Protein backbone atom coordinates (compact mmCIF):
# COMPACT_ATOMS: atom_id res chain seq x y z
CA UNK A 1 -2.65 -14.70 10.66
CA UNK A 2 -3.93 -11.17 10.77
CA UNK A 3 -0.76 -9.35 10.23
CA UNK A 4 -0.18 -8.58 6.59
CA UNK A 5 2.85 -9.91 4.74
CA UNK A 6 4.49 -7.84 1.99
CA UNK A 7 6.56 -9.06 -0.93
CA UNK A 8 7.96 -7.93 -4.13
CA UNK A 9 10.31 -5.05 -3.32
CA UNK A 10 13.61 -4.58 -4.82
CA UNK A 11 15.98 -2.34 -6.81
CA UNK A 12 15.12 -0.64 -10.16
CA UNK A 13 16.35 2.08 -12.26
CA UNK A 14 14.38 5.33 -12.70
CA UNK A 15 11.50 4.70 -15.18
CA UNK A 16 11.32 1.07 -14.29
CA UNK A 17 8.40 -0.86 -12.65
CA UNK A 18 7.86 -2.98 -9.61
CA UNK A 19 4.87 -5.02 -8.34
CA UNK A 20 4.28 -5.32 -4.54
CA UNK A 21 1.96 -7.76 -3.09
CA UNK A 22 0.32 -7.86 0.29
CA UNK A 23 -1.30 -11.01 1.66
CA UNK A 24 -3.76 -10.43 4.58
CA UNK A 25 -5.23 -13.77 5.53
CA UNK A 26 -7.17 -12.42 8.38
CA UNK A 27 -8.67 -9.60 6.41
CA UNK A 28 -12.00 -10.46 4.53
CA UNK A 29 -12.09 -7.65 2.11
CA UNK A 30 -15.72 -7.02 2.61
CA UNK A 31 -15.44 -4.15 5.07
CA UNK A 32 -12.75 -1.72 6.29
CA UNK A 33 -9.84 -1.02 4.05
CA UNK A 34 -6.26 -1.95 2.99
CA UNK A 35 -3.54 0.54 2.12
CA UNK A 36 -0.03 1.04 1.16
CA UNK A 37 2.32 3.49 2.99
CA UNK A 38 5.78 4.26 2.56
CA UNK A 39 8.55 5.77 4.58
CA UNK A 40 11.85 7.17 3.50
CA UNK A 41 14.74 7.68 5.95
CA UNK A 42 14.27 10.65 8.03
CA UNK A 43 10.74 11.16 6.84
CA UNK A 44 7.29 10.43 8.24
CA UNK A 45 5.32 7.52 6.97
CA UNK A 46 2.96 8.69 4.21
CA UNK A 47 -0.03 6.94 2.66
CA UNK A 48 0.22 6.05 -1.08
CA UNK A 49 -2.84 4.09 -2.15
CA UNK A 50 -5.97 2.71 -0.43
CA UNK A 51 -8.71 0.22 -1.21
CA UNK A 52 -11.80 1.10 0.66
CA UNK A 53 -14.16 -1.89 0.87
CA UNK A 54 -17.15 0.16 1.89
CA UNK A 55 -17.52 1.51 -1.61
CA UNK A 56 -14.79 -0.24 -3.56
CA UNK A 57 -13.05 2.91 -4.20
CA UNK A 58 -9.30 3.05 -4.93
CA UNK A 59 -7.67 6.31 -3.67
CA UNK A 60 -4.13 7.43 -4.51
CA UNK A 61 -1.76 10.11 -3.19
CA UNK A 62 -1.21 12.96 -5.62
CA UNK A 63 2.54 11.92 -5.71
CA UNK A 64 1.80 8.77 -7.36
CA UNK A 65 -1.42 9.23 -9.30
CA UNK A 66 -1.20 7.88 -12.92
CA UNK A 67 1.85 5.93 -11.96
CA UNK A 68 0.75 3.56 -9.27
CA UNK A 69 -2.36 1.25 -9.34
CA UNK A 70 -3.99 -1.31 -6.99
CA UNK A 71 -5.50 -4.51 -7.92
CA UNK A 72 -7.12 -7.02 -5.72
CA UNK A 73 -7.37 -10.85 -5.53
CA UNK A 74 -10.21 -11.39 -3.13
CA UNK A 75 -9.90 -15.11 -3.29
CA UNK A 76 -6.50 -14.89 -1.79
CA UNK A 77 -7.09 -11.90 0.38
CA UNK A 78 -4.26 -10.25 -1.54
CA UNK A 79 -3.75 -6.73 -2.73
CA UNK A 80 -1.06 -5.72 -5.32
CA UNK A 81 0.61 -2.38 -5.88
CA UNK A 82 1.83 -1.93 -9.46
CA UNK A 83 4.33 0.73 -9.56
CA UNK A 84 5.32 2.27 -13.07
CA UNK A 85 7.63 5.10 -14.09
CA UNK A 86 9.32 4.81 -10.76
CA UNK A 87 11.34 7.84 -9.69
CA UNK A 88 14.32 8.02 -7.22
CA UNK A 89 11.97 9.83 -4.77
CA UNK A 90 9.87 6.69 -4.56
CA UNK A 91 12.77 5.11 -2.70
CA UNK A 92 11.38 4.00 0.67
CA UNK A 93 10.28 1.00 2.82
CA UNK A 94 6.67 0.15 1.80
CA UNK A 95 4.26 -1.02 4.24
CA UNK A 96 0.79 -2.69 3.77
CA UNK A 97 -1.84 -2.14 6.56
CA UNK A 98 -5.43 -3.11 7.10
CA UNK A 99 -8.09 -1.62 9.10
CA UNK A 100 -11.56 -2.68 10.43
CA UNK A 101 -12.78 0.85 11.04
CA UNK A 102 -14.99 1.47 8.15
CA UNK A 103 -15.73 5.21 9.36
CA UNK A 104 -12.15 5.92 9.67
CA UNK A 105 -11.23 4.39 6.43
CA UNK A 106 -13.31 6.76 4.53
CA UNK A 107 -12.60 9.94 6.58
CA UNK A 108 -9.02 9.47 7.58
CA UNK A 109 -7.71 7.42 4.70
CA UNK A 110 -3.98 8.06 5.01
CA UNK A 111 -3.66 8.46 8.75
CA UNK A 112 -1.41 5.74 10.19
CA UNK A 113 -3.73 5.44 13.38
CA UNK A 114 -6.69 4.35 11.16
CA UNK A 115 -4.92 1.05 10.71
CA UNK A 116 -5.15 -1.97 13.04
CA UNK A 117 -2.44 -4.21 11.52
CA UNK A 118 0.83 -3.46 9.64
CA UNK A 119 3.26 -5.66 7.81
CA UNK A 120 7.01 -5.69 8.30
CA UNK A 121 7.62 -3.74 5.13
CA UNK A 122 9.44 -4.27 1.84
CA UNK A 123 12.33 -2.09 0.60
CA UNK A 124 12.07 -0.22 -2.87
CA UNK A 125 15.16 1.47 -4.09
CA UNK A 126 14.97 3.48 -7.27
CA UNK A 127 18.34 4.58 -8.70
CA UNK A 128 18.76 7.55 -11.15
């Protein structure tokens, strides 16, 4: 199965934490990239965090730097997103995506058209 599968969403109060997981059995992790996006109602989908397999870099959107972090489990082709100090504005559907386009992964990190495969999403709700 190539399509990523997300898990771990839920509801939490502001200041709390959640850990999302994405299993992508068809993604080797040796090239291309994996990323987390989110989309709030009425807003465009935005990139949150990316793992670039070309150089092993982890890249974060400014809005989540210092609060969110990616970790990898290569043996299970799984990527996790640890979300701390959550804010109400983090409320959104979170999507995992994978891409085989190494060139685009580096130059268009958070463009949705960089990614080949998308998960169904997992809801994160942060209450104030």
